[in-house]
Amino acid sequence: MRTLPMGITYAIWTGIGGVGATLIGILLYGEHAGLKRLSFMSLIIISIIGLKILV
């Protein structure tokens, strides 16, 4: 939070939490890991990287 605004920091941590929870569900609980789910998770990760680079 020293270099990023609070709104962007919140969005980044929320994205990390969402992707992390989904990965735990896939890896530990055997949830379906379809192409759509993995594609949208990659979009979240790309968005997080983009926010970090642009700000």
Protein backbone atom coordinates (compact mmCIF):
# COMPACT_ATOMS: atom_id res chain seq x y z
CA MET A 1 0.00 0.00 0.00
CA ARG A 2 3.00 2.29 0.10
CA THR A 3 3.13 2.67 -3.67
CA LEU A 4 -0.29 1.53 -4.90
CA PRO A 5 -3.64 3.21 -4.26
CA MET A 6 -5.98 1.39 -1.88
CA GLY A 7 -8.57 0.55 -4.57
CA ILE A 8 -6.06 -1.14 -6.82
CA THR A 9 -4.49 -2.97 -3.88
CA TYR A 10 -7.92 -4.28 -2.87
CA ALA A 11 -8.62 -5.45 -6.43
CA ILE A 12 -5.29 -7.25 -6.59
CA TRP A 13 -5.75 -9.08 -3.28
CA THR A 14 -9.34 -9.97 -4.12
CA GLY A 15 -8.21 -11.45 -7.45
CA ILE A 16 -5.43 -13.41 -5.74
CA GLY A 17 -7.92 -14.73 -3.18
CA GLY A 18 -10.42 -15.76 -5.85
CA VAL A 19 -7.84 -17.55 -7.97
CA GLY A 20 -6.32 -19.16 -4.88
CA ALA A 21 -9.67 -20.46 -3.65
CA THR A 22 -10.45 -21.86 -7.08
CA LEU A 23 -7.06 -23.59 -7.29
CA ILE A 24 -7.55 -25.13 -3.85
CA GLY A 25 -10.95 -26.41 -4.95
CA ILE A 26 -9.46 -27.94 -8.08
CA LEU A 27 -6.36 -29.44 -6.47
CA LEU A 28 -7.69 -30.59 -3.10
CA TYR A 29 -11.38 -31.20 -3.64
CA GLY A 30 -11.42 -32.49 -7.20
CA GLU A 31 -13.60 -29.76 -8.66
CA HIS A 32 -13.92 -29.64 -12.43
CA ALA A 33 -11.09 -27.67 -14.10
CA GLY A 34 -12.61 -26.94 -17.47
CA LEU A 35 -11.24 -24.77 -20.22
CA LYS A 36 -13.57 -21.88 -19.39
CA ARG A 37 -12.61 -21.88 -15.71
CA LEU A 38 -8.89 -21.95 -16.46
CA SER A 39 -9.27 -19.28 -19.15
CA PHE A 40 -11.05 -16.86 -16.86
CA MET A 41 -8.56 -17.53 -14.07
CA SER A 42 -5.75 -16.64 -16.47
CA LEU A 43 -7.59 -13.43 -17.37
CA ILE A 44 -7.71 -12.50 -13.69
CA ILE A 45 -3.99 -13.14 -13.32
CA ILE A 46 -3.22 -11.11 -16.46
CA SER A 47 -5.37 -8.28 -15.11
CA ILE A 48 -3.52 -8.31 -11.79
CA ILE A 49 -0.19 -8.13 -13.61
CA GLY A 50 -1.50 -5.30 -15.77
CA LEU A 51 -2.63 -3.30 -12.74
CA LYS A 52 0.74 -3.80 -11.09
CA ILE A 53 2.65 -2.71 -14.23
CA LEU A 54 0.52 0.32 -15.09
CA VAL A 55 0.51 1.87 -11.64
